[in-house]
Amino acid sequence: MFGIKVFSCFFFFFFFFFFFFFKINYYLECFSIALSLFYNFLSKNKLYHFYFCILTNF
């Protein structure tokens, strides 16, 4: 009985950590891709100062 409890606790924590880590990784990856695309867009656009001012005001 004790072994099953320990195993279930370990499994639950492992699953939670695994899921949380991959969620965080996924969101960070999406955020970095969006940020790089945004900077790429700003560097190519002549009105990047205007867009940056609008975004910083929000």
PDB file of N, CA and C in Angstrom:
ATOM      1  N   MET A   1       0.845  -1.204   0.000  1.00  0.00           N
ATOM      2  CA  MET A   1       0.000   0.000   0.000  1.00  0.00           C
ATOM      3  C   MET A   1       0.887   1.263   0.000  1.00  0.00           C
ATOM      4  N   PHE A   2       1.905   1.255   0.835  1.00  0.00           N
ATOM      5  CA  PHE A   2       2.785   2.424   0.933  1.00  0.00           C
ATOM      6  C   PHE A   2       3.532   2.661  -0.384  1.00  0.00           C
ATOM      7  N   GLY A   3       3.971   1.568  -1.006  1.00  0.00           N
ATOM      8  CA  GLY A   3       4.691   1.674  -2.277  1.00  0.00           C
ATOM      9  C   GLY A   3       3.812   2.270  -3.372  1.00  0.00           C
ATOM     10  N   ILE A   4       2.554   1.885  -3.401  1.00  0.00           N
ATOM     11  CA  ILE A   4       1.621   2.401  -4.412  1.00  0.00           C
ATOM     12  C   ILE A   4       1.401   3.901  -4.201  1.00  0.00           C
ATOM     13  N   LYS A   5       1.274   4.316  -2.935  1.00  0.00           N
ATOM     14  CA  LYS A   5       1.092   5.744  -2.631  1.00  0.00           C
ATOM     15  C   LYS A   5       2.299   6.555  -3.090  1.00  0.00           C
ATOM     16  N   VAL A   6       3.489   6.076  -2.781  1.00  0.00           N
ATOM     17  CA  VAL A   6       4.717   6.772  -3.173  1.00  0.00           C
ATOM     18  C   VAL A   6       4.816   6.853  -4.683  1.00  0.00           C
ATOM     19  N   PHE A   7       4.513   5.753  -5.341  1.00  0.00           N
ATOM     20  CA  PHE A   7       4.594   5.705  -6.798  1.00  0.00           C
ATOM     21  C   PHE A   7       3.600   6.677  -7.433  1.00  0.00           C
ATOM     22  N   SER A   8       2.362   6.717  -6.897  1.00  0.00           N
ATOM     23  CA  SER A   8       1.342   7.609  -7.458  1.00  0.00           C
ATOM     24  C   SER A   8       1.727   9.074  -7.245  1.00  0.00           C
ATOM     25  N   CYS A   9       2.274   9.388  -6.065  1.00  0.00           N
ATOM     26  CA  CYS A   9       2.728  10.751  -5.791  1.00  0.00           C
ATOM     27  C   CYS A   9       3.853  11.141  -6.737  1.00  0.00           C
ATOM     28  N   PHE A  10       4.808  10.246  -6.906  1.00  0.00           N
ATOM     29  CA  PHE A  10       5.945  10.499  -7.791  1.00  0.00           C
ATOM     30  C   PHE A  10       5.477  10.700  -9.220  1.00  0.00           C
ATOM     31  N   PHE A  11       4.570   9.840  -9.665  1.00  0.00           N
ATOM     32  CA  PHE A  11       4.039   9.909 -11.019  1.00  0.00           C
ATOM     33  C   PHE A  11       3.306  11.231 -11.243  1.00  0.00           C
ATOM     34  N   PHE A  12       2.492  11.620 -10.248  1.00  0.00           N
ATOM     35  CA  PHE A  12       1.727  12.868 -10.357  1.00  0.00           C
ATOM     36  C   PHE A  12       2.657  14.067 -10.459  1.00  0.00           C
ATOM     37  N   PHE A  13       3.677  14.129  -9.587  1.00  0.00           N
ATOM     38  CA  PHE A  13       4.610  15.254  -9.610  1.00  0.00           C
ATOM     39  C   PHE A  13       5.418  15.286 -10.895  1.00  0.00           C
ATOM     40  N   PHE A  14       5.834  14.102 -11.347  1.00  0.00           N
ATOM     41  CA  PHE A  14       6.605  14.015 -12.588  1.00  0.00           C
ATOM     42  C   PHE A  14       5.774  14.500 -13.761  1.00  0.00           C
ATOM     43  N   PHE A  15       4.512  14.035 -13.824  1.00  0.00           N
ATOM     44  CA  PHE A  15       3.622  14.429 -14.913  1.00  0.00           C
ATOM     45  C   PHE A  15       3.367  15.930 -14.891  1.00  0.00           C
ATOM     46  N   PHE A  16       3.111  16.479 -13.706  1.00  0.00           N
ATOM     47  CA  PHE A  16       2.846  17.914 -13.556  1.00  0.00           C
ATOM     48  C   PHE A  16       4.050  18.738 -13.996  1.00  0.00           C
ATOM     49  N   PHE A  17       5.243  18.337 -13.542  1.00  0.00           N
ATOM     50  CA  PHE A  17       6.463  19.061 -13.896  1.00  0.00           C
ATOM     51  C   PHE A  17       6.718  18.996 -15.394  1.00  0.00           C
ATOM     52  N   PHE A  18       6.541  17.800 -15.951  1.00  0.00           N
ATOM     53  CA  PHE A  18       6.749  17.584 -17.385  1.00  0.00           C
ATOM     54  C   PHE A  18       5.820  18.488 -18.204  1.00  0.00           C
ATOM     55  N   PHE A  19       4.530  18.466 -17.847  1.00  0.00           N
ATOM     56  CA  PHE A  19       3.512  19.251 -18.547  1.00  0.00           C
ATOM     57  C   PHE A  19       3.801  20.748 -18.425  1.00  0.00           C
ATOM     58  N   PHE A  20       4.100  21.195 -17.194  1.00  0.00           N
ATOM     59  CA  PHE A  20       4.367  22.606 -16.932  1.00  0.00           C
ATOM     60  C   PHE A  20       5.596  23.081 -17.700  1.00  0.00           C
ATOM     61  N   PHE A  21       6.663  22.267 -17.670  1.00  0.00           N
ATOM     62  CA  PHE A  21       7.906  22.630 -18.354  1.00  0.00           C
ATOM     63  C   PHE A  21       7.685  22.767 -19.854  1.00  0.00           C
ATOM     64  N   PHE A  22       6.942  21.832 -20.435  1.00  0.00           N
ATOM     65  CA  PHE A  22       6.714  21.900 -21.872  1.00  0.00           C
ATOM     66  C   PHE A  22       5.794  23.051 -22.248  1.00  0.00           C
ATOM     67  N   LYS A  23       4.817  23.355 -21.390  1.00  0.00           N
ATOM     68  CA  LYS A  23       3.945  24.512 -21.625  1.00  0.00           C
ATOM     69  C   LYS A  23       4.778  25.802 -21.629  1.00  0.00           C
ATOM     70  N   ILE A  24       5.630  25.957 -20.619  1.00  0.00           N
ATOM     71  CA  ILE A  24       6.470  27.148 -20.504  1.00  0.00           C
ATOM     72  C   ILE A  24       7.403  27.253 -21.710  1.00  0.00           C
ATOM     73  N   ASN A  25       7.997  26.132 -22.080  1.00  0.00           N
ATOM     74  CA  ASN A  25       8.892  26.098 -23.239  1.00  0.00           C
ATOM     75  C   ASN A  25       8.163  26.519 -24.499  1.00  0.00           C
ATOM     76  N   TYR A  26       6.936  25.996 -24.675  1.00  0.00           N
ATOM     77  CA  TYR A  26       6.133  26.299 -25.869  1.00  0.00           C
ATOM     78  C   TYR A  26       5.803  27.782 -25.929  1.00  0.00           C
ATOM     79  N   TYR A  27       5.369  28.341 -24.804  1.00  0.00           N
ATOM     80  CA  TYR A  27       5.018  29.761 -24.788  1.00  0.00           C
ATOM     81  C   TYR A  27       6.240  30.648 -24.995  1.00  0.00           C
ATOM     82  N   LEU A  28       7.381  30.284 -24.412  1.00  0.00           N
ATOM     83  CA  LEU A  28       8.601  31.063 -24.603  1.00  0.00           C
ATOM     84  C   LEU A  28       9.054  31.018 -26.056  1.00  0.00           C
ATOM     85  N   GLU A  29       8.930  29.839 -26.673  1.00  0.00           N
ATOM     86  CA  GLU A  29       9.318  29.695 -28.067  1.00  0.00           C
ATOM     87  C   GLU A  29       8.421  30.546 -28.956  1.00  0.00           C
ATOM     88  N   CYS A  30       7.117  30.500 -28.722  1.00  0.00           N
ATOM     89  CA  CYS A  30       6.172  31.315 -29.495  1.00  0.00           C
ATOM     90  C   CYS A  30       6.470  32.794 -29.308  1.00  0.00           C
ATOM     91  N   PHE A  31       6.740  33.194 -28.066  1.00  0.00           N
ATOM     92  CA  PHE A  31       7.019  34.592 -27.760  1.00  0.00           C
ATOM     93  C   PHE A  31       8.292  35.064 -28.448  1.00  0.00           C
ATOM     94  N   SER A  32       9.330  34.229 -28.432  1.00  0.00           N
ATOM     95  CA  SER A  32      10.605  34.616 -29.062  1.00  0.00           C
ATOM     96  C   SER A  32      10.458  34.710 -30.572  1.00  0.00           C
ATOM     97  N   ILE A  33       9.685  33.793 -31.168  1.00  0.00           N
ATOM     98  CA  ILE A  33       9.451  33.840 -32.620  1.00  0.00           C
ATOM     99  C   ILE A  33       8.686  35.107 -32.974  1.00  0.00           C
ATOM    100  N   ALA A  34       7.649  35.419 -32.186  1.00  0.00           N
ATOM    101  CA  ALA A  34       6.862  36.628 -32.442  1.00  0.00           C
ATOM    102  C   ALA A  34       7.729  37.875 -32.296  1.00  0.00           C
ATOM    103  N   LEU A  35       8.591  37.885 -31.286  1.00  0.00           N
ATOM    104  CA  LEU A  35       9.465  39.027 -31.052  1.00  0.00           C
ATOM    105  C   LEU A  35      10.459  39.212 -32.193  1.00  0.00           C
ATOM    106  N   SER A  36      11.033  38.110 -32.673  1.00  0.00           N
ATOM    107  CA  SER A  36      11.998  38.204 -33.773  1.00  0.00           C
ATOM    108  C   SER A  36      11.315  38.671 -35.053  1.00  0.00           C
ATOM    109  N   LEU A  37      10.103  38.184 -35.308  1.00  0.00           N
ATOM    110  CA  LEU A  37       9.348  38.631 -36.486  1.00  0.00           C
ATOM    111  C   LEU A  37       9.015  40.116 -36.388  1.00  0.00           C
ATOM    112  N   PHE A  38       8.652  40.539 -35.182  1.00  0.00           N
ATOM    113  CA  PHE A  38       8.318  41.938 -34.941  1.00  0.00           C
ATOM    114  C   PHE A  38       9.529  42.842 -35.179  1.00  0.00           C
ATOM    115  N   TYR A  39      10.689  42.445 -34.653  1.00  0.00           N
ATOM    116  CA  TYR A  39      11.903  43.240 -34.870  1.00  0.00           C
ATOM    117  C   TYR A  39      12.317  43.237 -36.327  1.00  0.00           C
ATOM    118  N   ASN A  40      12.117  42.129 -37.009  1.00  0.00           N
ATOM    119  CA  ASN A  40      12.410  42.038 -38.434  1.00  0.00           C
ATOM    120  C   ASN A  40      11.520  43.014 -39.205  1.00  0.00           C
ATOM    121  N   PHE A  41      10.242  43.041 -38.824  1.00  0.00           N
ATOM    122  CA  PHE A  41       9.283  43.958 -39.449  1.00  0.00           C
ATOM    123  C   PHE A  41       9.673  45.414 -39.187  1.00  0.00           C
ATOM    124  N   LEU A  42      10.069  45.716 -37.955  1.00  0.00           N
ATOM    125  CA  LEU A  42      10.444  47.083 -37.610  1.00  0.00           C
ATOM    126  C   LEU A  42      11.683  47.540 -38.366  1.00  0.00           C
ATOM    127  N   SER A  43      12.649  46.658 -38.518  1.00  0.00           N
ATOM    128  CA  SER A  43      13.889  47.046 -39.190  1.00  0.00           C
ATOM    129  C   SER A  43      13.664  47.287 -40.676  1.00  0.00           C
ATOM    130  N   LYS A  44      12.674  46.610 -41.267  1.00  0.00           N
ATOM    131  CA  LYS A  44      12.399  46.790 -42.693  1.00  0.00           C
ATOM    132  C   LYS A  44      11.456  47.967 -42.967  1.00  0.00           C
ATOM    133  N   ASN A  45      10.699  48.353 -41.949  1.00  0.00           N
ATOM    134  CA  ASN A  45       9.691  49.395 -42.156  1.00  0.00           C
ATOM    135  C   ASN A  45      10.263  50.772 -41.817  1.00  0.00           C
ATOM    136  N   LYS A  46       9.894  51.753 -42.634  1.00  0.00           N
ATOM    137  CA  LYS A  46      10.375  53.121 -42.424  1.00  0.00           C
ATOM    138  C   LYS A  46       9.672  53.805 -41.252  1.00  0.00           C
ATOM    139  N   LEU A  47       8.449  53.361 -40.954  1.00  0.00           N
ATOM    140  CA  LEU A  47       7.663  54.002 -39.890  1.00  0.00           C
ATOM    141  C   LEU A  47       7.799  53.295 -38.561  1.00  0.00           C
ATOM    142  N   TYR A  48       8.952  52.634 -38.334  1.00  0.00           N
ATOM    143  CA  TYR A  48       9.098  51.843 -37.108  1.00  0.00           C
ATOM    144  C   TYR A  48       9.075  52.706 -35.852  1.00  0.00           C
ATOM    145  N   HIS A  49       9.543  53.957 -35.945  1.00  0.00           N
ATOM    146  CA  HIS A  49       9.482  54.851 -34.778  1.00  0.00           C
ATOM    147  C   HIS A  49       8.030  55.127 -34.394  1.00  0.00           C
ATOM    148  N   PHE A  50       7.204  55.336 -35.404  1.00  0.00           N
ATOM    149  CA  PHE A  50       5.786  55.590 -35.186  1.00  0.00           C
ATOM    150  C   PHE A  50       5.114  54.388 -34.527  1.00  0.00           C
ATOM    151  N   TYR A  51       5.356  53.182 -35.059  1.00  0.00           N
ATOM    152  CA  TYR A  51       4.780  51.974 -34.486  1.00  0.00           C
ATOM    153  C   TYR A  51       5.272  51.741 -33.063  1.00  0.00           C
ATOM    154  N   PHE A  52       6.541  51.984 -32.849  1.00  0.00           N
ATOM    155  CA  PHE A  52       7.111  51.770 -31.518  1.00  0.00           C
ATOM    156  C   PHE A  52       6.486  52.727 -30.505  1.00  0.00           C
ATOM    157  N   CYS A  53       6.272  53.971 -30.910  1.00  0.00           N
ATOM    158  CA  CYS A  53       5.622  54.944 -30.023  1.00  0.00           C
ATOM    159  C   CYS A  53       4.205  54.506 -29.673  1.00  0.00           C
ATOM    160  N   ILE A  54       3.468  54.029 -30.671  1.00  0.00           N
ATOM    161  CA  ILE A  54       2.100  53.554 -30.423  1.00  0.00           C
ATOM    162  C   ILE A  54       2.120  52.389 -29.445  1.00  0.00           C
ATOM    163  N   LEU A  55       3.045  51.424 -29.674  1.00  0.00           N
ATOM    164  CA  LEU A  55       3.096  50.233 -28.821  1.00  0.00           C
ATOM    165  C   LEU A  55       3.542  50.557 -27.403  1.00  0.00           C
ATOM    166  N   THR A  56       4.453  51.498 -27.246  1.00  0.00           N
ATOM    167  CA  THR A  56       4.914  51.824 -25.895  1.00  0.00           C
ATOM    168  C   THR A  56       3.860  52.621 -25.135  1.00  0.00           C
ATOM    169  N   ASN A  57       2.997  53.339 -25.849  1.00  0.00           N
ATOM    170  CA  ASN A  57       1.940  54.096 -25.177  1.00  0.00           C
ATOM    171  C   ASN A  57       0.840  53.187 -24.647  1.00  0.00           C
ATOM    172  N   PHE A  58       0.621  52.038 -25.282  1.00  0.00           N
ATOM    173  CA  PHE A  58      -0.442  51.131 -24.842  1.00  0.00           C
ATOM    174  C   PHE A  58      -0.093  50.396 -23.560  1.00  0.00           C
TER     175      PHE A  58
END
